[in-house]
């Protein structure tokens, strides 16, 4: 794994590329997830979810496009992963149903 062009680091991109339960395609939600985990690592557990979202929203709006681009790129990757994992769509009930047409009484 150690080649001159490949470097493993604990960067935001590496953190976000791990498989998660939900593959969000919204860059802000990816940032919010990372923001929450950073707060937990630092031992800040007493904040309410609403206040965390407000603080994260302010920070997100202050970020430059270059800083946001990491999360946008991860969202694109998650979108592609979600499309690959999609199940074939079936009608409600999970089976294909044939439609039975009524025969007019005049024909009988």
Protein backbone atom coordinates (compact mmCIF):
# COMPACT_ATOMS: atom_id res chain seq x y z
CA UNK A 1 0.00 0.00 0.00
CA UNK A 2 2.86 2.37 0.36
CA UNK A 3 3.66 3.77 -3.03
CA UNK A 4 5.07 7.21 -3.83
CA UNK A 5 1.71 8.46 -5.15
CA UNK A 6 -0.46 7.03 -2.37
CA UNK A 7 -0.50 8.56 1.10
CA UNK A 8 -2.76 7.54 3.96
CA UNK A 9 -3.76 10.33 6.30
CA UNK A 10 -6.50 11.16 8.77
CA UNK A 11 -7.94 13.82 6.52
CA UNK A 12 -11.56 14.78 6.20
CA UNK A 13 -11.79 12.97 2.87
CA UNK A 14 -10.41 9.75 4.33
CA UNK A 15 -12.76 9.99 7.29
CA UNK A 16 -15.80 10.52 5.13
CA UNK A 17 -14.99 7.74 2.68
CA UNK A 18 -15.59 5.08 5.30
CA UNK A 19 -18.76 3.11 4.88
CA UNK A 20 -21.54 4.61 6.95
CA UNK A 21 -25.06 3.50 7.64
CA UNK A 22 -26.56 6.23 5.51
CA UNK A 23 -24.91 7.47 2.36
CA UNK A 24 -25.96 11.10 2.35
CA UNK A 25 -25.84 12.89 -0.99
CA UNK A 26 -26.14 16.30 0.67
CA UNK A 27 -22.75 17.93 1.35
CA UNK A 28 -24.05 19.87 4.36
CA UNK A 29 -25.28 16.68 6.05
CA UNK A 30 -21.86 15.10 5.55
CA UNK A 31 -20.28 18.15 7.16
CA UNK A 32 -22.80 18.05 10.01
CA UNK A 33 -22.02 14.38 10.69
CA UNK A 34 -18.31 15.13 10.85
CA UNK A 35 -18.95 18.22 13.01
CA UNK A 36 -20.93 16.14 15.52
CA UNK A 37 -18.29 13.43 15.70
CA UNK A 38 -15.58 16.06 16.26
CA UNK A 39 -17.60 17.51 19.15
CA UNK A 40 -17.93 14.05 20.68
CA UNK A 41 -14.19 13.41 20.37
CA UNK A 42 -13.50 16.69 22.14
CA UNK A 43 -15.88 15.73 24.96
CA UNK A 44 -18.59 18.29 24.25
CA UNK A 45 -21.71 16.24 24.91
CA UNK A 46 -24.06 18.67 26.69
CA UNK A 47 -25.20 20.60 23.60
CA UNK A 48 -28.70 20.06 22.23
CA UNK A 49 -29.04 18.89 18.61
CA UNK A 50 -30.67 22.19 17.60
CA UNK A 51 -27.79 24.25 18.94
CA UNK A 52 -25.28 21.93 17.24
CA UNK A 53 -27.08 22.40 13.92
CA UNK A 54 -27.13 26.19 14.36
CA UNK A 55 -23.40 26.34 15.11
CA UNK A 56 -22.61 23.98 12.23
CA UNK A 57 -24.80 26.07 9.89
CA UNK A 58 -22.92 29.23 10.79
CA UNK A 59 -19.61 27.49 10.26
CA UNK A 60 -20.79 26.01 6.92
CA UNK A 61 -21.76 29.46 5.64
CA UNK A 62 -18.34 30.85 6.65
CA UNK A 63 -16.44 28.10 4.83
CA UNK A 64 -14.88 28.86 1.47
CA UNK A 65 -15.84 27.00 -1.70
CA UNK A 66 -12.50 25.20 -1.55
CA UNK A 67 -13.24 23.88 1.94
CA UNK A 68 -16.74 22.80 0.92
CA UNK A 69 -15.47 21.07 -2.21
CA UNK A 70 -14.29 18.08 -0.16
CA UNK A 71 -17.82 17.43 1.09
CA UNK A 72 -19.31 18.07 -2.35
CA UNK A 73 -16.96 15.48 -3.86
CA UNK A 74 -17.87 12.92 -1.18
CA UNK A 75 -21.57 13.57 -1.81
CA UNK A 76 -21.04 12.83 -5.52
CA UNK A 77 -19.30 9.57 -4.65
CA UNK A 78 -22.13 8.63 -2.27
CA UNK A 79 -24.65 9.40 -4.99
CA UNK A 80 -22.88 7.04 -7.37
CA UNK A 81 -22.71 4.35 -4.67
CA UNK A 82 -26.43 4.72 -4.00
CA UNK A 83 -27.26 4.37 -7.68
CA UNK A 84 -25.16 1.19 -7.90
CA UNK A 85 -26.85 -0.33 -4.84
CA UNK A 86 -30.40 0.48 -5.96
CA UNK A 87 -32.76 -2.45 -6.13
CA UNK A 88 -34.95 -2.96 -9.18
CA UNK A 89 -38.24 -1.22 -8.62
CA UNK A 90 -41.38 -3.32 -8.40
CA UNK A 91 -44.97 -2.21 -7.92
CA UNK A 92 -46.47 -2.11 -4.43
CA UNK A 93 -46.65 -5.58 -2.96
CA UNK A 94 -43.40 -6.68 -4.56
CA UNK A 95 -44.94 -8.65 -7.43
CA UNK A 96 -46.00 -7.75 -10.91
CA UNK A 97 -49.71 -7.98 -11.36
CA UNK A 98 -51.59 -8.52 -14.56
CA UNK A 99 -54.67 -6.48 -15.12
CA UNK A 100 -57.87 -8.44 -15.67
CA UNK A 101 -60.31 -6.64 -17.91
CA UNK A 102 -64.00 -7.07 -17.45
CA UNK A 103 -65.93 -8.46 -20.34
CA UNK A 104 -69.02 -6.42 -21.17
CA UNK A 105 -72.32 -8.20 -20.45
CA UNK A 106 -73.49 -7.78 -24.04
CA UNK A 107 -70.81 -10.18 -25.29
CA UNK A 108 -71.77 -12.95 -22.84
